Amino acid sequence: MDYLSRGNQDLLWLGLRLSLCAIIVHGEKAPLIFDDSFLHLDEERLKNVLNYLSERIDGQIIILTCHHRETRLLKEMDLL
């Protein structure tokens, strides 16, 4: 992990969290809460993550952040 950029580390942790959530909930709907989980992602990676979440997650997604970037991108992508 030490050899990865902070953005790549964030993506790796995101993948691990989503996989763990899928195992725990066994296909049931569960809200996903992200608290500044995308802080180190560049805009292109963040767009890909937001698009992936909107297409693949069938349930509530809560994004907590003190930045406006996520809101702006969600509006630009017509997801908010």
PDB file of N, CA and C in Angstrom:
ATOM      1  N   MET A   1       0.815  -1.205   0.000  1.00  0.00           N
ATOM      2  CA  MET A   1       0.000   0.000   0.000  1.00  0.00           C
ATOM      3  C   MET A   1       0.854   1.263   0.000  1.00  0.00           C
ATOM      4  N   ASP A   2       2.012   1.193   0.643  1.00  0.00           N
ATOM      5  CA  ASP A   2       2.855   2.379   0.747  1.00  0.00           C
ATOM      6  C   ASP A   2       3.360   2.855  -0.605  1.00  0.00           C
ATOM      7  N   TYR A   3       3.351   1.995  -1.607  1.00  0.00           N
ATOM      8  CA  TYR A   3       3.869   2.353  -2.919  1.00  0.00           C
ATOM      9  C   TYR A   3       2.796   2.919  -3.837  1.00  0.00           C
ATOM     10  N   LEU A   4       1.561   2.934  -3.375  1.00  0.00           N
ATOM     11  CA  LEU A   4       0.454   3.464  -4.165  1.00  0.00           C
ATOM     12  C   LEU A   4       0.209   4.923  -3.822  1.00  0.00           C
ATOM     13  N   SER A   5      -0.319   5.660  -4.789  1.00  0.00           N
ATOM     14  CA  SER A   5      -0.703   7.043  -4.517  1.00  0.00           C
ATOM     15  C   SER A   5      -1.912   7.044  -3.591  1.00  0.00           C
ATOM     16  N   ARG A   6      -2.192   8.178  -2.964  1.00  0.00           N
ATOM     17  CA  ARG A   6      -3.340   8.274  -2.057  1.00  0.00           C
ATOM     18  C   ARG A   6      -4.653   8.001  -2.809  1.00  0.00           C
ATOM     19  N   GLY A   7      -4.729   8.443  -4.055  1.00  0.00           N
ATOM     20  CA  GLY A   7      -5.921   8.179  -4.849  1.00  0.00           C
ATOM     21  C   GLY A   7      -6.121   6.691  -5.089  1.00  0.00           C
ATOM     22  N   ASN A   8      -5.041   5.994  -5.432  1.00  0.00           N
ATOM     23  CA  ASN A   8      -5.134   4.549  -5.637  1.00  0.00           C
ATOM     24  C   ASN A   8      -5.436   3.819  -4.332  1.00  0.00           C
ATOM     25  N   GLN A   9      -4.897   4.305  -3.235  1.00  0.00           N
ATOM     26  CA  GLN A   9      -5.219   3.704  -1.940  1.00  0.00           C
ATOM     27  C   GLN A   9      -6.712   3.856  -1.641  1.00  0.00           C
ATOM     28  N   ASP A  10      -7.253   5.045  -1.924  1.00  0.00           N
ATOM     29  CA  ASP A  10      -8.686   5.275  -1.711  1.00  0.00           C
ATOM     30  C   ASP A  10      -9.521   4.316  -2.558  1.00  0.00           C
ATOM     31  N   LEU A  11      -9.112   4.104  -3.816  1.00  0.00           N
ATOM     32  CA  LEU A  11      -9.846   3.182  -4.682  1.00  0.00           C
ATOM     33  C   LEU A  11      -9.766   1.747  -4.174  1.00  0.00           C
ATOM     34  N   LEU A  12      -8.606   1.360  -3.691  1.00  0.00           N
ATOM     35  CA  LEU A  12      -8.447   0.015  -3.146  1.00  0.00           C
ATOM     36  C   LEU A  12      -9.342  -0.177  -1.919  1.00  0.00           C
ATOM     37  N   TRP A  13      -9.353   0.789  -1.015  1.00  0.00           N
ATOM     38  CA  TRP A  13     -10.199   0.707   0.169  1.00  0.00           C
ATOM     39  C   TRP A  13     -11.670   0.698  -0.214  1.00  0.00           C
ATOM     40  N   LEU A  14     -12.046   1.470  -1.231  1.00  0.00           N
ATOM     41  CA  LEU A  14     -13.426   1.480  -1.694  1.00  0.00           C
ATOM     42  C   LEU A  14     -13.824   0.085  -2.180  1.00  0.00           C
ATOM     43  N   GLY A  15     -12.979  -0.526  -2.986  1.00  0.00           N
ATOM     44  CA  GLY A  15     -13.262  -1.872  -3.473  1.00  0.00           C
ATOM     45  C   GLY A  15     -13.393  -2.879  -2.342  1.00  0.00           C
ATOM     46  N   LEU A  16     -12.517  -2.779  -1.365  1.00  0.00           N
ATOM     47  CA  LEU A  16     -12.585  -3.689  -0.223  1.00  0.00           C
ATOM     48  C   LEU A  16     -13.862  -3.479   0.587  1.00  0.00           C
ATOM     49  N   ARG A  17     -14.235  -2.214   0.801  1.00  0.00           N
ATOM     50  CA  ARG A  17     -15.453  -1.924   1.560  1.00  0.00           C
ATOM     51  C   ARG A  17     -16.702  -2.415   0.836  1.00  0.00           C
ATOM     52  N   LEU A  18     -16.755  -2.183  -0.477  1.00  0.00           N
ATOM     53  CA  LEU A  18     -17.920  -2.630  -1.237  1.00  0.00           C
ATOM     54  C   LEU A  18     -18.013  -4.156  -1.257  1.00  0.00           C
ATOM     55  N   SER A  19     -16.880  -4.825  -1.368  1.00  0.00           N
ATOM     56  CA  SER A  19     -16.867  -6.288  -1.342  1.00  0.00           C
ATOM     57  C   SER A  19     -17.306  -6.818   0.013  1.00  0.00           C
ATOM     58  N   LEU A  20     -16.805  -6.226   1.072  1.00  0.00           N
ATOM     59  CA  LEU A  20     -17.184  -6.632   2.418  1.00  0.00           C
ATOM     60  C   LEU A  20     -18.675  -6.393   2.660  1.00  0.00           C
ATOM     61  N   CYS A  21     -19.184  -5.270   2.193  1.00  0.00           N
ATOM     62  CA  CYS A  21     -20.605  -4.962   2.341  1.00  0.00           C
ATOM     63  C   CYS A  21     -21.446  -6.003   1.605  1.00  0.00           C
ATOM     64  N   ALA A  22     -21.035  -6.378   0.400  1.00  0.00           N
ATOM     65  CA  ALA A  22     -21.780  -7.386  -0.372  1.00  0.00           C
ATOM     66  C   ALA A  22     -21.819  -8.717   0.368  1.00  0.00           C
ATOM     67  N   ILE A  23     -20.738  -9.075   1.033  1.00  0.00           N
ATOM     68  CA  ILE A  23     -20.681 -10.328   1.790  1.00  0.00           C
ATOM     69  C   ILE A  23     -21.588 -10.244   3.021  1.00  0.00           C
ATOM     70  N   ILE A  24     -21.552  -9.128   3.707  1.00  0.00           N
ATOM     71  CA  ILE A  24     -22.303  -8.983   4.960  1.00  0.00           C
ATOM     72  C   ILE A  24     -23.806  -8.941   4.733  1.00  0.00           C
ATOM     73  N   VAL A  25     -24.264  -8.192   3.725  1.00  0.00           N
ATOM     74  CA  VAL A  25     -25.705  -8.000   3.554  1.00  0.00           C
ATOM     75  C   VAL A  25     -26.356  -9.083   2.695  1.00  0.00           C
ATOM     76  N   HIS A  26     -25.589  -9.936   2.061  1.00  0.00           N
ATOM     77  CA  HIS A  26     -26.108 -11.063   1.273  1.00  0.00           C
ATOM     78  C   HIS A  26     -27.169 -10.652   0.259  1.00  0.00           C
ATOM     79  N   GLY A  27     -26.929  -9.595  -0.480  1.00  0.00           N
ATOM     80  CA  GLY A  27     -27.866  -9.176  -1.515  1.00  0.00           C
ATOM     81  C   GLY A  27     -29.006  -8.285  -1.051  1.00  0.00           C
ATOM     82  N   GLU A  28     -29.121  -8.060   0.243  1.00  0.00           N
ATOM     83  CA  GLU A  28     -30.158  -7.156   0.754  1.00  0.00           C
ATOM     84  C   GLU A  28     -29.731  -5.708   0.492  1.00  0.00           C
ATOM     85  N   LYS A  29     -30.702  -4.813   0.471  1.00  0.00           N
ATOM     86  CA  LYS A  29     -30.392  -3.395   0.321  1.00  0.00           C
ATOM     87  C   LYS A  29     -29.914  -2.849   1.657  1.00  0.00           C
ATOM     88  N   ALA A  30     -28.834  -2.125   1.623  1.00  0.00           N
ATOM     89  CA  ALA A  30     -28.305  -1.471   2.818  1.00  0.00           C
ATOM     90  C   ALA A  30     -27.758  -0.110   2.395  1.00  0.00           C
ATOM     91  N   PRO A  31     -27.972   0.915   3.192  1.00  0.00           N
ATOM     92  CA  PRO A  31     -27.414   2.222   2.826  1.00  0.00           C
ATOM     93  C   PRO A  31     -25.891   2.194   2.913  1.00  0.00           C
ATOM     94  N   LEU A  32     -25.273   2.879   1.983  1.00  0.00           N
ATOM     95  CA  LEU A  32     -23.816   3.032   2.007  1.00  0.00           C
ATOM     96  C   LEU A  32     -23.508   4.460   2.411  1.00  0.00           C
ATOM     97  N   ILE A  33     -22.639   4.622   3.381  1.00  0.00           N
ATOM     98  CA  ILE A  33     -22.268   5.945   3.872  1.00  0.00           C
ATOM     99  C   ILE A  33     -20.785   6.149   3.643  1.00  0.00           C
ATOM    100  N   PHE A  34     -20.453   7.215   2.927  1.00  0.00           N
ATOM    101  CA  PHE A  34     -19.069   7.560   2.643  1.00  0.00           C
ATOM    102  C   PHE A  34     -18.768   8.903   3.300  1.00  0.00           C
ATOM    103  N   ASP A  35     -17.783   8.936   4.169  1.00  0.00           N
ATOM    104  CA  ASP A  35     -17.397  10.160   4.869  1.00  0.00           C
ATOM    105  C   ASP A  35     -16.019  10.592   4.381  1.00  0.00           C
ATOM    106  N   ASP A  36     -16.000  11.538   3.449  1.00  0.00           N
ATOM    107  CA  ASP A  36     -14.772  12.023   2.813  1.00  0.00           C
ATOM    108  C   ASP A  36     -13.925  10.881   2.269  1.00  0.00           C
ATOM    109  N   SER A  37     -14.588   9.875   1.735  1.00  0.00           N
ATOM    110  CA  SER A  37     -13.889   8.705   1.198  1.00  0.00           C
ATOM    111  C   SER A  37     -13.223   8.986  -0.136  1.00  0.00           C
ATOM    112  N   PHE A  38     -13.596  10.065  -0.797  1.00  0.00           N
ATOM    113  CA  PHE A  38     -13.082  10.343  -2.135  1.00  0.00           C
ATOM    114  C   PHE A  38     -12.153  11.554  -2.156  1.00  0.00           C
ATOM    115  N   LEU A  39     -11.645  11.901  -1.027  1.00  0.00           N
ATOM    116  CA  LEU A  39     -10.855  13.118  -0.855  1.00  0.00           C
ATOM    117  C   LEU A  39      -9.639  13.184  -1.783  1.00  0.00           C
ATOM    118  N   HIS A  40      -8.965  12.069  -1.988  1.00  0.00           N
ATOM    119  CA  HIS A  40      -7.710  12.074  -2.744  1.00  0.00           C
ATOM    120  C   HIS A  40      -7.873  11.661  -4.204  1.00  0.00           C
ATOM    121  N   LEU A  41      -9.103  11.512  -4.663  1.00  0.00           N
ATOM    122  CA  LEU A  41      -9.333  11.136  -6.057  1.00  0.00           C
ATOM    123  C   LEU A  41      -9.312  12.369  -6.943  1.00  0.00           C
ATOM    124  N   ASP A  42      -8.699  12.237  -8.134  1.00  0.00           N
ATOM    125  CA  ASP A  42      -8.791  13.322  -9.096  1.00  0.00           C
ATOM    126  C   ASP A  42     -10.202  13.301  -9.694  1.00  0.00           C
ATOM    127  N   GLU A  43     -10.549  14.321 -10.449  1.00  0.00           N
ATOM    128  CA  GLU A  43     -11.924  14.457 -10.931  1.00  0.00           C
ATOM    129  C   GLU A  43     -12.341  13.293 -11.824  1.00  0.00           C
ATOM    130  N   GLU A  44     -11.450  12.815 -12.677  1.00  0.00           N
ATOM    131  CA  GLU A  44     -11.804  11.714 -13.576  1.00  0.00           C
ATOM    132  C   GLU A  44     -12.103  10.438 -12.792  1.00  0.00           C
ATOM    133  N   ARG A  45     -11.270  10.122 -11.824  1.00  0.00           N
ATOM    134  CA  ARG A  45     -11.521   8.948 -10.983  1.00  0.00           C
ATOM    135  C   ARG A  45     -12.809   9.116 -10.182  1.00  0.00           C
ATOM    136  N   LEU A  46     -13.022  10.313  -9.659  1.00  0.00           N
ATOM    137  CA  LEU A  46     -14.231  10.564  -8.887  1.00  0.00           C
ATOM    138  C   LEU A  46     -15.476  10.394  -9.757  1.00  0.00           C
ATOM    139  N   LYS A  47     -15.439  10.906 -10.991  1.00  0.00           N
ATOM    140  CA  LYS A  47     -16.560  10.711 -11.912  1.00  0.00           C
ATOM    141  C   LYS A  47     -16.817   9.223 -12.130  1.00  0.00           C
ATOM    142  N   ASN A  48     -15.757   8.460 -12.336  1.00  0.00           N
ATOM    143  CA  ASN A  48     -15.910   7.018 -12.550  1.00  0.00           C
ATOM    144  C   ASN A  48     -16.517   6.336 -11.326  1.00  0.00           C
ATOM    145  N   VAL A  49     -16.070   6.728 -10.137  1.00  0.00           N
ATOM    146  CA  VAL A  49     -16.602   6.138  -8.902  1.00  0.00           C
ATOM    147  C   VAL A  49     -18.072   6.496  -8.740  1.00  0.00           C
ATOM    148  N   LEU A  50     -18.421   7.759  -8.927  1.00  0.00           N
ATOM    149  CA  LEU A  50     -19.812   8.180  -8.779  1.00  0.00           C
ATOM    150  C   LEU A  50     -20.707   7.491  -9.801  1.00  0.00           C
ATOM    151  N   ASN A  51     -20.220   7.362 -11.023  1.00  0.00           N
ATOM    152  CA  ASN A  51     -20.971   6.670 -12.062  1.00  0.00           C
ATOM    153  C   ASN A  51     -21.155   5.195 -11.711  1.00  0.00           C
ATOM    154  N   TYR A  52     -20.091   4.556 -11.248  1.00  0.00           N
ATOM    155  CA  TYR A  52     -20.158   3.152 -10.836  1.00  0.00           C
ATOM    156  C   TYR A  52     -21.176   2.962  -9.715  1.00  0.00           C
ATOM    157  N   LEU A  53     -21.106   3.796  -8.707  1.00  0.00           N
ATOM    158  CA  LEU A  53     -22.033   3.682  -7.583  1.00  0.00           C
ATOM    159  C   LEU A  53     -23.478   3.870  -8.035  1.00  0.00           C
ATOM    160  N   SER A  54     -23.711   4.836  -8.919  1.00  0.00           N
ATOM    161  CA  SER A  54     -25.085   5.092  -9.364  1.00  0.00           C
ATOM    162  C   SER A  54     -25.632   3.951 -10.207  1.00  0.00           C
ATOM    163  N   GLU A  55     -24.772   3.283 -10.961  1.00  0.00           N
ATOM    164  CA  GLU A  55     -25.220   2.192 -11.834  1.00  0.00           C
ATOM    165  C   GLU A  55     -25.301   0.851 -11.111  1.00  0.00           C
ATOM    166  N   ARG A  56     -24.430   0.612 -10.153  1.00  0.00           N
ATOM    167  CA  ARG A  56     -24.304  -0.719  -9.563  1.00  0.00           C
ATOM    168  C   ARG A  56     -24.921  -0.899  -8.186  1.00  0.00           C
ATOM    169  N   ILE A  57     -25.125   0.188  -7.473  1.00  0.00           N
ATOM    170  CA  ILE A  57     -25.642   0.083  -6.111  1.00  0.00           C
ATOM    171  C   ILE A  57     -27.141   0.335  -6.126  1.00  0.00           C
ATOM    172  N   ASP A  58     -27.898  -0.650  -5.706  1.00  0.00           N
ATOM    173  CA  ASP A  58     -29.355  -0.534  -5.651  1.00  0.00           C
ATOM    174  C   ASP A  58     -29.747  -0.248  -4.205  1.00  0.00           C
ATOM    175  N   GLY A  59     -29.657   0.981  -3.835  1.00  0.00           N
ATOM    176  CA  GLY A  59     -29.958   1.378  -2.469  1.00  0.00           C
ATOM    177  C   GLY A  59     -29.514   2.805  -2.240  1.00  0.00           C
ATOM    178  N   GLN A  60     -29.659   3.244  -1.021  1.00  0.00           N
ATOM    179  CA  GLN A  60     -29.326   4.617  -0.664  1.00  0.00           C
ATOM    180  C   GLN A  60     -27.820   4.783  -0.531  1.00  0.00           C
ATOM    181  N   ILE A  61     -27.307   5.872  -1.105  1.00  0.00           N
ATOM    182  CA  ILE A  61     -25.892   6.219  -1.003  1.00  0.00           C
ATOM    183  C   ILE A  61     -25.818   7.596  -0.359  1.00  0.00           C
ATOM    184  N   ILE A  62     -25.111   7.684   0.748  1.00  0.00           N
ATOM    185  CA  ILE A  62     -24.951   8.950   1.471  1.00  0.00           C
ATOM    186  C   ILE A  62     -23.484   9.340   1.396  1.00  0.00           C
ATOM    187  N   ILE A  63     -23.227  10.524   0.873  1.00  0.00           N
ATOM    188  CA  ILE A  63     -21.855  11.025   0.754  1.00  0.00           C
ATOM    189  C   ILE A  63     -21.725  12.236   1.660  1.00  0.00           C
ATOM    190  N   LEU A  64     -20.892  12.111   2.674  1.00  0.00           N
ATOM    191  CA  LEU A  64     -20.615  13.213   3.598  1.00  0.00           C
ATOM    192  C   LEU A  64     -19.274  13.828   3.220  1.00  0.00           C
ATOM    193  N   THR A  65     -19.265  15.122   3.018  1.00  0.00           N
ATOM    194  CA  THR A  65     -18.022  15.806   2.672  1.00  0.00           C
ATOM    195  C   THR A  65     -18.174  17.298   2.952  1.00  0.00           C
ATOM    196  N   CYS A  66     -17.058  17.952   3.140  1.00  0.00           N
ATOM    197  CA  CYS A  66     -17.084  19.408   3.324  1.00  0.00           C
ATOM    198  C   CYS A  66     -16.704  20.119   2.024  1.00  0.00           C
ATOM    199  N   HIS A  67     -16.542  19.356   0.956  1.00  0.00           N
ATOM    200  CA  HIS A  67     -16.159  19.911  -0.342  1.00  0.00           C
ATOM    201  C   HIS A  67     -17.375  19.986  -1.256  1.00  0.00           C
ATOM    202  N   HIS A  68     -17.327  20.884  -2.230  1.00  0.00           N
ATOM    203  CA  HIS A  68     -18.426  21.062  -3.172  1.00  0.00           C
ATOM    204  C   HIS A  68     -18.214  20.252  -4.452  1.00  0.00           C
ATOM    205  N   ARG A  69     -17.061  19.659  -4.596  1.00  0.00           N
ATOM    206  CA  ARG A  69     -16.697  18.956  -5.827  1.00  0.00           C
ATOM    207  C   ARG A  69     -17.664  17.815  -6.139  1.00  0.00           C
ATOM    208  N   GLU A  70     -18.008  17.021  -5.140  1.00  0.00           N
ATOM    209  CA  GLU A  70     -18.901  15.891  -5.353  1.00  0.00           C
ATOM    210  C   GLU A  70     -20.279  16.359  -5.820  1.00  0.00           C
ATOM    211  N   THR A  71     -20.805  17.398  -5.179  1.00  0.00           N
ATOM    212  CA  THR A  71     -22.107  17.937  -5.565  1.00  0.00           C
ATOM    213  C   THR A  71     -22.074  18.457  -6.993  1.00  0.00           C
ATOM    214  N   ARG A  72     -21.026  19.202  -7.313  1.00  0.00           N
ATOM    215  CA  ARG A  72     -20.900  19.755  -8.664  1.00  0.00           C
ATOM    216  C   ARG A  72     -20.866  18.644  -9.702  1.00  0.00           C
ATOM    217  N   LEU A  73     -20.062  17.611  -9.458  1.00  0.00           N
ATOM    218  CA  LEU A  73     -19.946  16.514 -10.423  1.00  0.00           C
ATOM    219  C   LEU A  73     -21.253  15.730 -10.529  1.00  0.00           C
ATOM    220  N   LEU A  74     -21.915  15.489  -9.411  1.00  0.00           N
ATOM    221  CA  LEU A  74     -23.194  14.771  -9.456  1.00  0.00           C
ATOM    222  C   LEU A  74     -24.229  15.554 -10.267  1.00  0.00           C
ATOM    223  N   LYS A  75     -24.241  16.872 -10.133  1.00  0.00           N
ATOM    224  CA  LYS A  75     -25.164  17.695 -10.913  1.00  0.00           C
ATOM    225  C   LYS A  75     -24.785  17.672 -12.384  1.00  0.00           C
ATOM    226  N   GLU A  76     -23.486  17.780 -12.694  1.00  0.00           N
ATOM    227  CA  GLU A  76     -23.025  17.727 -14.083  1.00  0.00           C
ATOM    228  C   GLU A  76     -23.370  16.394 -14.744  1.00  0.00           C
ATOM    229  N   MET A  77     -23.330  15.319 -13.963  1.00  0.00           N
ATOM    230  CA  MET A  77     -23.614  13.987 -14.486  1.00  0.00           C
ATOM    231  C   MET A  77     -25.099  13.665 -14.426  1.00  0.00           C
ATOM    232  N   ASP A  78     -25.915  14.638 -14.007  1.00  0.00           N
ATOM    233  CA  ASP A  78     -27.356  14.491 -13.878  1.00  0.00           C
ATOM    234  C   ASP A  78     -27.729  13.325 -12.951  1.00  0.00           C
ATOM    235  N   LEU A  79     -26.998  13.191 -11.861  1.00  0.00           N
ATOM    236  CA  LEU A  79     -27.253  12.153 -10.872  1.00  0.00           C
ATOM    237  C   LEU A  79     -27.815  12.719  -9.576  1.00  0.00           C
ATOM    238  N   LEU A  80     -27.924  14.022  -9.493  1.00  0.00           N
ATOM    239  CA  LEU A  80     -28.445  14.660  -8.278  1.00  0.00           C
ATOM    240  C   LEU A  80     -29.605  15.566  -8.635  1.00  0.00           C
TER     241      LEU A  80
END
